[in-house]
N, C-alpha and C. Protein backbone atom coordinates (compact mmCIF):
# COMPACT_ATOMS: atom_id res chain seq x y z
N UNK A 1 -39.66 28.15 2.33
CA UNK A 1 -38.92 27.23 3.16
C UNK A 1 -39.65 25.90 3.35
N UNK A 2 -40.95 25.87 3.12
CA UNK A 2 -41.69 24.63 3.26
C UNK A 2 -41.17 23.58 2.29
N UNK A 3 -40.83 24.01 1.10
CA UNK A 3 -40.33 23.08 0.09
C UNK A 3 -38.99 22.48 0.54
N UNK A 4 -38.12 23.31 1.08
CA UNK A 4 -36.83 22.79 1.58
C UNK A 4 -37.03 21.77 2.69
N UNK A 5 -37.97 22.04 3.57
CA UNK A 5 -38.27 21.10 4.65
C UNK A 5 -38.79 19.78 4.08
N UNK A 6 -39.66 19.88 3.10
CA UNK A 6 -40.19 18.69 2.44
C UNK A 6 -39.06 17.92 1.75
N UNK A 7 -38.18 18.64 1.10
CA UNK A 7 -37.04 18.00 0.43
C UNK A 7 -36.15 17.28 1.44
N UNK A 8 -35.90 17.94 2.53
CA UNK A 8 -35.04 17.35 3.56
C UNK A 8 -35.67 16.09 4.13
N UNK A 9 -36.94 16.13 4.41
CA UNK A 9 -37.63 14.94 4.94
C UNK A 9 -37.59 13.80 3.94
N UNK A 10 -37.67 14.12 2.67
CA UNK A 10 -37.61 13.09 1.63
C UNK A 10 -36.21 12.50 1.51
N UNK A 11 -35.21 13.36 1.47
CA UNK A 11 -33.85 12.91 1.15
C UNK A 11 -33.11 12.31 2.36
N UNK A 12 -33.43 12.73 3.55
CA UNK A 12 -32.66 12.33 4.73
C UNK A 12 -32.52 10.81 4.90
N UNK A 13 -33.59 10.02 4.85
CA UNK A 13 -33.40 8.57 5.00
C UNK A 13 -32.54 7.96 3.89
N UNK A 14 -32.76 8.42 2.67
CA UNK A 14 -31.98 7.92 1.54
C UNK A 14 -30.51 8.34 1.68
N UNK A 15 -30.32 9.59 2.08
CA UNK A 15 -28.96 10.10 2.27
C UNK A 15 -28.24 9.35 3.37
N UNK A 16 -28.90 9.13 4.50
CA UNK A 16 -28.26 8.42 5.62
C UNK A 16 -27.82 7.03 5.22
N UNK A 17 -28.67 6.33 4.47
CA UNK A 17 -28.31 4.99 4.00
C UNK A 17 -27.08 5.05 3.09
N UNK A 18 -27.10 5.98 2.16
CA UNK A 18 -25.98 6.14 1.23
C UNK A 18 -24.71 6.56 1.97
N UNK A 19 -24.84 7.53 2.85
CA UNK A 19 -23.70 8.05 3.61
C UNK A 19 -23.06 6.94 4.45
N UNK A 20 -23.87 6.15 5.12
CA UNK A 20 -23.34 5.07 5.95
C UNK A 20 -22.58 4.03 5.13
N UNK A 21 -23.07 3.74 3.94
CA UNK A 21 -22.35 2.81 3.06
C UNK A 21 -21.00 3.40 2.66
N UNK A 22 -21.01 4.68 2.30
CA UNK A 22 -19.75 5.33 1.89
C UNK A 22 -18.76 5.42 3.05
N UNK A 23 -19.25 5.73 4.24
CA UNK A 23 -18.37 5.82 5.40
C UNK A 23 -17.80 4.44 5.74
N UNK A 24 -18.58 3.41 5.52
CA UNK A 24 -18.08 2.05 5.73
C UNK A 24 -16.93 1.75 4.76
N UNK A 25 -17.08 2.19 3.51
CA UNK A 25 -16.00 2.01 2.53
C UNK A 25 -14.77 2.84 2.92
N UNK A 26 -15.01 4.04 3.43
CA UNK A 26 -13.91 4.90 3.89
C UNK A 26 -13.16 4.21 5.02
N UNK A 27 -13.89 3.62 5.96
CA UNK A 27 -13.26 2.93 7.09
C UNK A 27 -12.41 1.75 6.60
N UNK A 28 -12.91 1.01 5.63
CA UNK A 28 -12.15 -0.10 5.06
C UNK A 28 -10.87 0.40 4.42
N UNK A 29 -10.99 1.46 3.62
CA UNK A 29 -9.81 2.04 2.97
C UNK A 29 -8.83 2.58 4.01
N UNK A 30 -9.37 3.21 5.03
CA UNK A 30 -8.53 3.76 6.10
C UNK A 30 -7.76 2.64 6.81
N UNK A 31 -8.45 1.58 7.15
CA UNK A 31 -7.79 0.45 7.83
C UNK A 31 -6.69 -0.14 6.97
N UNK A 32 -6.93 -0.21 5.68
CA UNK A 32 -5.95 -0.76 4.76
C UNK A 32 -4.72 0.15 4.64
N UNK A 33 -4.93 1.47 4.73
CA UNK A 33 -3.84 2.44 4.52
C UNK A 33 -3.51 3.23 5.77
N UNK A 34 -3.86 2.72 6.93
CA UNK A 34 -3.71 3.45 8.20
C UNK A 34 -2.28 3.96 8.42
N UNK A 35 -1.32 3.13 8.25
CA UNK A 35 0.08 3.51 8.51
C UNK A 35 0.50 4.67 7.62
N UNK A 36 0.15 4.59 6.35
CA UNK A 36 0.51 5.65 5.39
C UNK A 36 -0.19 6.96 5.73
N UNK A 37 -1.48 6.89 6.07
CA UNK A 37 -2.25 8.09 6.41
C UNK A 37 -1.70 8.73 7.68
N UNK A 38 -1.40 7.91 8.69
CA UNK A 38 -0.85 8.41 9.94
C UNK A 38 0.50 9.09 9.72
N UNK A 39 1.35 8.48 8.95
CA UNK A 39 2.66 9.06 8.65
C UNK A 39 2.52 10.39 7.92
N UNK A 40 1.66 10.42 6.92
CA UNK A 40 1.41 11.64 6.15
C UNK A 40 0.88 12.76 7.07
N UNK A 41 -0.07 12.41 7.92
CA UNK A 41 -0.67 13.37 8.85
C UNK A 41 0.37 13.92 9.83
N UNK A 42 1.12 13.03 10.46
CA UNK A 42 2.13 13.46 11.45
C UNK A 42 3.22 14.30 10.80
N UNK A 43 3.67 13.91 9.63
CA UNK A 43 4.67 14.71 8.92
C UNK A 43 4.13 16.09 8.56
N UNK A 44 2.89 16.14 8.14
CA UNK A 44 2.26 17.42 7.79
C UNK A 44 2.21 18.33 9.01
N UNK A 45 1.72 17.81 10.13
CA UNK A 45 1.64 18.63 11.35
C UNK A 45 3.02 19.02 11.85
N UNK A 46 3.94 18.09 11.80
CA UNK A 46 5.29 18.38 12.27
C UNK A 46 5.94 19.48 11.42
N UNK A 47 5.80 19.39 10.12
CA UNK A 47 6.42 20.37 9.22
C UNK A 47 5.70 21.72 9.22
N UNK A 48 4.39 21.71 9.40
CA UNK A 48 3.61 22.95 9.27
C UNK A 48 3.23 23.61 10.58
N UNK A 49 3.38 22.90 11.70
CA UNK A 49 3.03 23.50 13.00
C UNK A 49 4.14 23.34 14.02
N UNK A 50 4.49 22.12 14.32
CA UNK A 50 5.40 21.82 15.43
C UNK A 50 6.78 22.46 15.21
N UNK A 51 7.36 22.25 14.05
CA UNK A 51 8.70 22.80 13.80
C UNK A 51 8.67 24.33 13.80
N UNK A 52 7.60 24.92 13.28
CA UNK A 52 7.47 26.37 13.30
C UNK A 52 7.33 26.88 14.73
N UNK A 53 6.60 26.14 15.55
CA UNK A 53 6.39 26.54 16.94
C UNK A 53 7.71 26.49 17.72
N UNK A 54 8.51 25.50 17.44
CA UNK A 54 9.78 25.37 18.15
C UNK A 54 10.72 26.53 17.81
N UNK A 55 10.56 27.07 16.62
CA UNK A 55 11.38 28.21 16.20
C UNK A 55 10.79 29.54 16.66
N UNK A 56 9.56 29.53 17.07
CA UNK A 56 8.82 30.74 17.42
C UNK A 56 9.15 31.18 18.85
N UNK A 57 9.33 32.44 19.06
CA UNK A 57 9.72 33.00 20.36
C UNK A 57 8.74 32.66 21.47
N UNK A 58 7.43 32.77 21.21
CA UNK A 58 6.45 32.60 22.29
C UNK A 58 6.42 31.17 22.83
N UNK A 59 6.91 30.21 22.07
CA UNK A 59 6.87 28.83 22.52
C UNK A 59 8.20 28.36 23.08
N UNK A 60 9.16 29.25 23.26
CA UNK A 60 10.48 28.86 23.75
C UNK A 60 10.52 28.65 25.25
N UNK A 61 9.52 29.15 25.96
CA UNK A 61 9.51 29.00 27.41
C UNK A 61 9.46 27.52 27.78
N UNK A 62 10.33 27.13 28.69
CA UNK A 62 10.36 25.74 29.14
C UNK A 62 9.07 25.39 29.86
N UNK A 63 8.52 24.26 29.55
CA UNK A 63 7.37 23.76 30.28
C UNK A 63 6.04 24.40 29.93
N UNK A 64 6.00 25.31 28.99
CA UNK A 64 4.72 25.93 28.62
C UNK A 64 3.86 24.90 27.90
N UNK A 65 2.63 24.77 28.35
CA UNK A 65 1.70 23.81 27.74
C UNK A 65 1.24 24.33 26.39
N UNK A 66 1.29 23.48 25.39
CA UNK A 66 0.80 23.82 24.06
C UNK A 66 -0.54 23.15 23.83
N UNK A 67 -1.36 23.81 23.04
CA UNK A 67 -2.68 23.30 22.73
C UNK A 67 -2.82 23.19 21.21
N UNK A 68 -3.29 22.06 20.78
CA UNK A 68 -3.62 21.85 19.38
C UNK A 68 -5.13 21.93 19.28
N UNK A 69 -5.62 22.88 18.51
CA UNK A 69 -7.06 23.07 18.33
C UNK A 69 -7.41 22.69 16.90
N UNK A 70 -8.29 21.72 16.77
CA UNK A 70 -8.75 21.25 15.46
C UNK A 70 -10.16 21.79 15.26
N UNK A 71 -10.32 22.55 14.18
CA UNK A 71 -11.61 23.22 13.97
C UNK A 71 -12.27 22.81 12.67
N UNK A 72 -13.57 22.68 12.78
CA UNK A 72 -14.44 22.44 11.65
C UNK A 72 -14.73 23.79 11.01
N UNK A 73 -14.62 23.89 9.71
CA UNK A 73 -14.84 25.15 9.00
C UNK A 73 -16.09 25.06 8.12
N UNK A 74 -17.10 25.82 8.47
CA UNK A 74 -18.31 25.87 7.64
C UNK A 74 -17.95 26.28 6.21
N UNK A 75 -17.00 27.20 6.10
CA UNK A 75 -16.62 27.71 4.78
C UNK A 75 -16.03 26.63 3.89
N UNK A 76 -15.43 25.60 4.47
CA UNK A 76 -14.83 24.55 3.65
C UNK A 76 -15.89 23.70 2.95
N UNK A 77 -17.09 23.66 3.51
CA UNK A 77 -18.19 22.97 2.83
C UNK A 77 -18.68 23.83 1.67
N UNK A 78 -18.79 25.11 1.91
CA UNK A 78 -19.25 26.03 0.86
C UNK A 78 -18.27 26.03 -0.31
N UNK A 79 -16.98 26.10 -0.02
CA UNK A 79 -15.97 26.15 -1.07
C UNK A 79 -15.59 24.78 -1.63
N UNK A 80 -16.08 23.74 -0.97
CA UNK A 80 -15.79 22.35 -1.34
C UNK A 80 -14.31 22.00 -1.18
N UNK A 81 -13.62 22.71 -0.31
CA UNK A 81 -12.21 22.37 -0.04
C UNK A 81 -12.10 21.30 1.04
N UNK A 82 -13.10 21.19 1.90
CA UNK A 82 -13.20 20.19 2.96
C UNK A 82 -11.95 20.15 3.84
N UNK A 83 -11.44 21.32 4.14
CA UNK A 83 -10.26 21.42 5.00
C UNK A 83 -10.67 21.63 6.45
N UNK A 84 -9.76 21.26 7.33
CA UNK A 84 -9.94 21.49 8.77
C UNK A 84 -8.79 22.37 9.21
N UNK A 85 -9.07 23.23 10.16
CA UNK A 85 -8.05 24.15 10.67
C UNK A 85 -7.35 23.50 11.87
N UNK A 86 -6.02 23.58 11.88
CA UNK A 86 -5.20 23.10 12.98
C UNK A 86 -4.41 24.28 13.51
N UNK A 87 -4.63 24.62 14.77
CA UNK A 87 -3.95 25.76 15.39
C UNK A 87 -3.12 25.26 16.57
N UNK A 88 -1.93 25.76 16.66
CA UNK A 88 -1.08 25.49 17.80
C UNK A 88 -0.96 26.79 18.57
N UNK A 89 -1.34 26.75 19.86
CA UNK A 89 -1.38 27.98 20.64
C UNK A 89 -1.07 27.69 22.10
N UNK A 90 -0.99 28.76 22.89
CA UNK A 90 -0.77 28.59 24.33
C UNK A 90 -2.13 28.55 25.03
N UNK A 91 -2.13 28.70 26.34
CA UNK A 91 -3.37 28.57 27.12
C UNK A 91 -4.41 29.65 26.80
N UNK A 92 -4.04 30.69 26.09
CA UNK A 92 -5.00 31.71 25.69
C UNK A 92 -5.91 31.26 24.54
N UNK A 93 -5.54 30.14 23.94
CA UNK A 93 -6.27 29.55 22.82
C UNK A 93 -6.50 30.56 21.70
N UNK A 94 -7.74 30.90 21.39
CA UNK A 94 -8.02 31.80 20.26
C UNK A 94 -7.44 33.20 20.46
N UNK A 95 -7.20 33.59 21.69
CA UNK A 95 -6.67 34.93 21.96
C UNK A 95 -5.14 34.99 21.87
N UNK A 96 -4.49 33.86 21.66
CA UNK A 96 -3.03 33.84 21.54
C UNK A 96 -2.63 34.58 20.26
N UNK A 97 -1.88 35.66 20.45
CA UNK A 97 -1.46 36.47 19.31
C UNK A 97 -0.42 35.77 18.45
N UNK A 98 0.24 34.77 19.00
CA UNK A 98 1.30 34.07 18.28
C UNK A 98 0.86 32.69 17.80
N UNK A 99 -0.43 32.50 17.69
CA UNK A 99 -0.98 31.23 17.24
C UNK A 99 -0.43 30.89 15.85
N UNK A 100 -0.15 29.63 15.65
CA UNK A 100 0.30 29.16 14.34
C UNK A 100 -0.81 28.28 13.78
N UNK A 101 -1.18 28.54 12.55
CA UNK A 101 -2.33 27.86 11.95
C UNK A 101 -1.96 27.24 10.61
N UNK A 102 -2.54 26.08 10.37
CA UNK A 102 -2.44 25.44 9.06
C UNK A 102 -3.77 24.75 8.78
N UNK A 103 -3.95 24.32 7.56
CA UNK A 103 -5.19 23.66 7.15
C UNK A 103 -4.85 22.33 6.52
N UNK A 104 -5.67 21.34 6.82
CA UNK A 104 -5.41 19.99 6.30
C UNK A 104 -6.68 19.41 5.72
N UNK A 105 -6.54 18.80 4.56
CA UNK A 105 -7.63 18.14 3.86
C UNK A 105 -7.46 16.63 4.02
N UNK A 106 -8.32 15.97 4.78
CA UNK A 106 -8.21 14.52 4.94
C UNK A 106 -8.79 13.81 3.70
N UNK A 107 -7.98 13.70 2.71
CA UNK A 107 -8.38 13.16 1.42
C UNK A 107 -9.08 11.80 1.55
N UNK A 108 -8.58 10.95 2.43
CA UNK A 108 -9.15 9.62 2.59
C UNK A 108 -10.62 9.66 3.02
N UNK A 109 -11.02 10.71 3.71
CA UNK A 109 -12.38 10.83 4.23
C UNK A 109 -13.39 11.27 3.16
N UNK A 110 -12.92 11.98 2.16
CA UNK A 110 -13.81 12.58 1.17
C UNK A 110 -13.72 11.92 -0.21
N UNK A 111 -13.42 10.64 -0.24
CA UNK A 111 -13.28 9.93 -1.51
C UNK A 111 -14.57 9.86 -2.32
N UNK A 112 -15.71 9.87 -1.65
CA UNK A 112 -16.98 9.64 -2.33
C UNK A 112 -17.85 10.89 -2.42
N UNK A 113 -17.26 12.02 -2.19
CA UNK A 113 -18.01 13.27 -2.13
C UNK A 113 -18.68 13.62 -3.47
N UNK A 114 -18.00 13.46 -4.59
CA UNK A 114 -18.64 13.81 -5.86
C UNK A 114 -19.80 12.87 -6.18
N UNK A 115 -19.64 11.60 -5.84
CA UNK A 115 -20.74 10.65 -6.03
C UNK A 115 -21.93 11.02 -5.14
N UNK A 116 -21.65 11.47 -3.94
CA UNK A 116 -22.72 11.87 -3.03
C UNK A 116 -23.45 13.11 -3.53
N UNK A 117 -22.72 14.05 -4.09
CA UNK A 117 -23.35 15.25 -4.65
C UNK A 117 -24.26 14.87 -5.82
N UNK A 118 -23.77 14.00 -6.67
CA UNK A 118 -24.55 13.54 -7.81
C UNK A 118 -25.80 12.78 -7.34
N UNK A 119 -25.64 11.93 -6.34
CA UNK A 119 -26.75 11.19 -5.76
C UNK A 119 -27.81 12.15 -5.22
N UNK A 120 -27.38 13.16 -4.50
CA UNK A 120 -28.30 14.14 -3.93
C UNK A 120 -29.12 14.81 -5.03
N UNK A 121 -28.44 15.27 -6.06
CA UNK A 121 -29.11 15.96 -7.16
C UNK A 121 -30.12 15.05 -7.85
N UNK A 122 -29.70 13.85 -8.19
CA UNK A 122 -30.59 12.93 -8.92
C UNK A 122 -31.77 12.50 -8.07
N UNK A 123 -31.52 12.24 -6.81
CA UNK A 123 -32.59 11.80 -5.91
C UNK A 123 -33.64 12.89 -5.74
N UNK A 124 -33.20 14.13 -5.61
CA UNK A 124 -34.14 15.24 -5.48
C UNK A 124 -34.97 15.42 -6.76
N UNK A 125 -34.32 15.24 -7.91
CA UNK A 125 -35.01 15.41 -9.19
C UNK A 125 -36.05 14.32 -9.45
N UNK A 126 -35.90 13.19 -8.79
CA UNK A 126 -36.89 12.11 -8.93
C UNK A 126 -38.24 12.51 -8.35
N UNK A 127 -38.20 13.25 -7.28
CA UNK A 127 -39.43 13.57 -6.55
C UNK A 127 -39.93 15.00 -6.83
N UNK A 128 -39.01 15.93 -7.04
CA UNK A 128 -39.39 17.35 -7.14
C UNK A 128 -39.15 17.89 -8.55
N UNK A 129 -40.08 18.70 -8.98
CA UNK A 129 -39.98 19.33 -10.29
C UNK A 129 -39.10 20.57 -10.16
N UNK A 130 -38.24 20.77 -11.12
CA UNK A 130 -37.36 21.94 -11.17
C UNK A 130 -36.66 22.23 -9.84
N UNK A 131 -35.76 21.40 -9.49
CA UNK A 131 -34.97 21.61 -8.27
C UNK A 131 -34.02 22.76 -8.54
N UNK A 132 -34.09 23.77 -7.71
CA UNK A 132 -33.26 24.95 -7.89
C UNK A 132 -31.89 24.72 -7.27
N UNK A 133 -30.92 25.40 -7.84
CA UNK A 133 -29.54 25.23 -7.38
C UNK A 133 -29.39 25.57 -5.89
N UNK A 134 -30.03 26.64 -5.44
CA UNK A 134 -29.90 27.03 -4.04
C UNK A 134 -30.49 25.97 -3.10
N UNK A 135 -31.53 25.26 -3.58
CA UNK A 135 -32.12 24.21 -2.76
C UNK A 135 -31.16 23.04 -2.59
N UNK A 136 -30.57 22.62 -3.68
CA UNK A 136 -29.58 21.54 -3.63
C UNK A 136 -28.40 21.96 -2.77
N UNK A 137 -27.94 23.17 -2.95
CA UNK A 137 -26.77 23.65 -2.20
C UNK A 137 -27.07 23.74 -0.71
N UNK A 138 -28.23 24.23 -0.35
CA UNK A 138 -28.61 24.32 1.07
C UNK A 138 -28.62 22.93 1.70
N UNK A 139 -29.22 21.99 1.03
CA UNK A 139 -29.27 20.62 1.55
C UNK A 139 -27.88 19.98 1.57
N UNK A 140 -27.10 20.21 0.53
CA UNK A 140 -25.74 19.66 0.48
C UNK A 140 -24.92 20.15 1.67
N UNK A 141 -24.96 21.44 1.95
CA UNK A 141 -24.21 21.99 3.07
C UNK A 141 -24.65 21.38 4.40
N UNK A 142 -25.94 21.25 4.56
CA UNK A 142 -26.45 20.69 5.81
C UNK A 142 -26.07 19.21 5.94
N UNK A 143 -26.23 18.45 4.88
CA UNK A 143 -25.94 17.02 4.93
C UNK A 143 -24.43 16.76 5.07
N UNK A 144 -23.62 17.52 4.37
CA UNK A 144 -22.17 17.31 4.41
C UNK A 144 -21.55 17.74 5.73
N UNK A 145 -22.27 18.51 6.53
CA UNK A 145 -21.74 18.88 7.84
C UNK A 145 -21.61 17.66 8.75
N UNK A 146 -22.29 16.57 8.41
CA UNK A 146 -22.18 15.34 9.21
C UNK A 146 -20.78 14.73 9.13
N UNK A 147 -19.99 15.15 8.18
CA UNK A 147 -18.60 14.66 8.10
C UNK A 147 -17.79 15.05 9.34
N UNK A 148 -18.14 16.14 9.97
CA UNK A 148 -17.38 16.60 11.14
C UNK A 148 -17.36 15.53 12.24
N UNK A 149 -18.49 14.91 12.52
CA UNK A 149 -18.54 13.88 13.56
C UNK A 149 -17.69 12.67 13.19
N UNK A 150 -17.64 12.34 11.94
CA UNK A 150 -16.81 11.23 11.48
C UNK A 150 -15.33 11.64 11.57
N UNK A 151 -15.01 12.85 11.13
CA UNK A 151 -13.63 13.33 11.14
C UNK A 151 -13.06 13.35 12.56
N UNK A 152 -13.87 13.73 13.54
CA UNK A 152 -13.39 13.78 14.93
C UNK A 152 -12.87 12.42 15.38
N UNK A 153 -13.56 11.37 14.99
CA UNK A 153 -13.13 10.02 15.38
C UNK A 153 -11.77 9.68 14.77
N UNK A 154 -11.57 10.06 13.53
CA UNK A 154 -10.27 9.82 12.89
C UNK A 154 -9.20 10.70 13.53
N UNK A 155 -9.53 11.95 13.84
CA UNK A 155 -8.56 12.84 14.45
C UNK A 155 -8.11 12.34 15.82
N UNK A 156 -9.03 11.74 16.55
CA UNK A 156 -8.66 11.16 17.86
C UNK A 156 -7.54 10.16 17.69
N UNK A 157 -7.69 9.30 16.69
CA UNK A 157 -6.66 8.28 16.45
C UNK A 157 -5.38 8.88 15.86
N UNK A 158 -5.53 9.80 14.93
CA UNK A 158 -4.36 10.35 14.25
C UNK A 158 -3.51 11.24 15.15
N UNK A 159 -4.13 11.89 16.13
CA UNK A 159 -3.37 12.82 16.97
C UNK A 159 -2.75 12.18 18.21
N UNK A 160 -3.05 10.92 18.50
CA UNK A 160 -2.54 10.27 19.71
C UNK A 160 -1.03 10.32 19.78
N UNK A 161 -0.36 9.85 18.74
CA UNK A 161 1.10 9.77 18.80
C UNK A 161 1.76 11.15 18.84
N UNK A 162 1.27 12.07 18.03
CA UNK A 162 1.88 13.41 18.01
C UNK A 162 1.57 14.17 19.30
N UNK A 163 0.40 13.94 19.87
CA UNK A 163 0.04 14.58 21.14
C UNK A 163 0.93 14.14 22.28
N UNK A 164 1.21 12.85 22.34
CA UNK A 164 2.10 12.32 23.39
C UNK A 164 3.54 12.78 23.16
N UNK A 165 3.98 12.68 21.93
CA UNK A 165 5.36 13.04 21.59
C UNK A 165 5.67 14.50 21.91
N UNK A 166 4.74 15.39 21.62
CA UNK A 166 4.96 16.82 21.80
C UNK A 166 4.29 17.38 23.06
N UNK A 167 3.67 16.54 23.85
CA UNK A 167 2.97 16.95 25.06
C UNK A 167 1.93 18.04 24.75
N UNK A 168 1.03 17.73 23.85
CA UNK A 168 -0.01 18.66 23.44
C UNK A 168 -1.34 18.31 24.09
N UNK A 169 -2.09 19.31 24.50
CA UNK A 169 -3.48 19.13 24.87
C UNK A 169 -4.26 19.36 23.58
N UNK A 170 -5.16 18.46 23.27
CA UNK A 170 -5.86 18.54 21.99
C UNK A 170 -7.34 18.83 22.21
N UNK A 171 -7.81 19.85 21.50
CA UNK A 171 -9.21 20.26 21.58
C UNK A 171 -9.79 20.34 20.17
N UNK A 172 -11.09 20.25 20.10
CA UNK A 172 -11.75 20.40 18.82
C UNK A 172 -13.03 21.22 18.99
N UNK A 173 -13.49 21.77 17.87
CA UNK A 173 -14.72 22.54 17.89
C UNK A 173 -14.90 23.27 16.58
N UNK A 174 -16.01 23.96 16.45
CA UNK A 174 -16.23 24.76 15.26
C UNK A 174 -15.30 25.97 15.32
N UNK A 175 -14.85 26.46 14.20
CA UNK A 175 -13.92 27.57 14.15
C UNK A 175 -14.37 28.73 15.04
N UNK A 176 -13.51 29.12 15.97
CA UNK A 176 -13.73 30.20 16.90
C UNK A 176 -14.94 29.95 17.82
N UNK A 177 -15.34 28.71 17.92
CA UNK A 177 -16.49 28.37 18.75
C UNK A 177 -16.06 27.68 20.04
N UNK A 178 -17.00 27.05 20.68
CA UNK A 178 -16.75 26.34 21.93
C UNK A 178 -15.90 25.10 21.65
N UNK A 179 -14.95 24.83 22.54
CA UNK A 179 -14.04 23.71 22.36
C UNK A 179 -14.33 22.59 23.34
N UNK A 180 -13.98 21.38 22.94
CA UNK A 180 -14.09 20.21 23.81
C UNK A 180 -12.80 19.43 23.66
N UNK A 181 -12.44 18.69 24.68
CA UNK A 181 -11.23 17.88 24.64
C UNK A 181 -11.43 16.73 23.65
N UNK A 182 -10.38 16.43 22.93
CA UNK A 182 -10.47 15.34 21.95
C UNK A 182 -10.14 14.03 22.57
């Protein structure tokens, strides 16, 4: 594990610089295509969660508060799907037996992911002899988890209109973990 720690100390400043540049480009692209991304996002949630909930028996009660829970999935980094879980449930949250769940991949956020993976590999090979696949993968998973903090900021903006329209309380957190208001 000493080698992994050494690798992390070496790559972290370089990674942060690279990541910040990429996120800046993502923000520029997002600002340019905000309306399209928002429409796509709202339509996706409406078609995959809201409309199903309205047809679902447990949500037919008048005035029942609905909760939208947005979860970060560790497994999506491992599988490279980079999806987030969106659950619509009642006040029982994770214990709601009639929870409706869908997954969404914010494509606009992950435009530079393959370049970042390549950068990580090449940068490690500059300093370390025979970089093992598990070492690169361990660091990749840890470094790519920083996307969650960036995604939350976008989700705050993207969920405003749908939250007001459908009277949803919106929470976020790691899958099946502690939740916080968005």
